[in-house]
Amino acid sequence: MSDVSMAHPDLPDQPITVRESAVPHHQAAGWFVIETPPPAPPRRASAKGRRQTGEES
């Protein structure tokens, strides 16, 4: 069974992935199928809490 990406008009920046068999259920709640989900924004690692040792520069 394959997965399908869906979006909701009230949540345009929050696509979801559901099983193909669940598409009718989600469509009844206003979701629609999208071709590909938009790429997630890159996440930056936080340097907070990282200690620098004498070996690092």
Protein backbone atom coordinates (compact mmCIF):
# COMPACT_ATOMS: atom_id res chain seq x y z
CA MET A 1 0.00 0.00 0.00
CA SER A 2 1.34 3.43 -0.88
CA ASP A 3 1.35 6.72 0.98
CA VAL A 4 -0.28 9.93 -0.24
CA SER A 5 0.54 13.53 0.67
CA MET A 6 -2.40 15.73 1.57
CA ALA A 7 -2.99 19.34 2.58
CA HIS A 8 -5.88 21.24 4.15
CA PRO A 9 -6.96 24.75 3.14
CA ASP A 10 -6.87 25.89 6.78
CA LEU A 11 -3.38 24.39 7.30
CA PRO A 12 -1.49 25.10 4.05
CA ASP A 13 1.97 24.83 5.61
CA GLN A 14 1.29 21.52 7.34
CA PRO A 15 1.04 18.71 4.77
CA ILE A 16 0.41 15.20 6.05
CA THR A 17 1.18 11.75 4.69
CA VAL A 18 -1.52 9.10 4.94
CA ARG A 19 -2.09 5.61 3.59
CA GLU A 20 -3.89 5.51 0.27
CA SER A 21 -6.82 3.70 1.89
CA ALA A 22 -7.36 6.67 4.27
CA VAL A 23 -7.71 9.27 1.49
CA PRO A 24 -11.55 9.18 1.30
CA HIS A 25 -11.81 9.69 5.07
CA HIS A 26 -9.47 12.71 4.97
CA GLN A 27 -11.15 14.15 1.86
CA ALA A 28 -14.47 14.10 3.73
CA ALA A 29 -12.83 16.35 6.33
CA GLY A 30 -11.63 18.85 3.70
CA TRP A 31 -8.13 17.52 2.94
CA PHE A 32 -6.99 17.26 -0.69
CA VAL A 33 -4.25 15.26 -2.39
CA ILE A 34 -1.07 17.12 -3.34
CA GLU A 35 1.59 15.89 -5.74
CA THR A 36 4.59 16.39 -3.51
CA PRO A 37 4.81 17.98 -0.09
CA PRO A 38 6.71 21.25 0.12
CA PRO A 39 10.24 20.83 1.43
CA ALA A 40 10.68 21.31 5.15
CA PRO A 41 12.74 24.33 6.11
CA PRO A 42 16.32 23.45 7.07
CA ARG A 43 16.89 23.08 10.78
CA ARG A 44 20.00 24.50 12.36
CA ALA A 45 21.68 22.71 15.18
CA SER A 46 21.88 24.72 18.33
CA ALA A 47 25.32 25.36 19.82
CA LYS A 48 23.77 26.09 23.21
CA GLY A 49 25.12 23.85 25.95
CA ARG A 50 28.12 22.76 23.91
CA ARG A 51 31.43 23.06 25.69
CA GLN A 52 34.58 23.91 23.83
CA THR A 53 37.64 21.92 24.79
CA GLY A 54 41.27 22.89 24.30
CA GLU A 55 41.48 20.66 21.20
CA GLU A 56 38.79 22.61 19.35
CA SER A 57 39.46 26.01 17.88
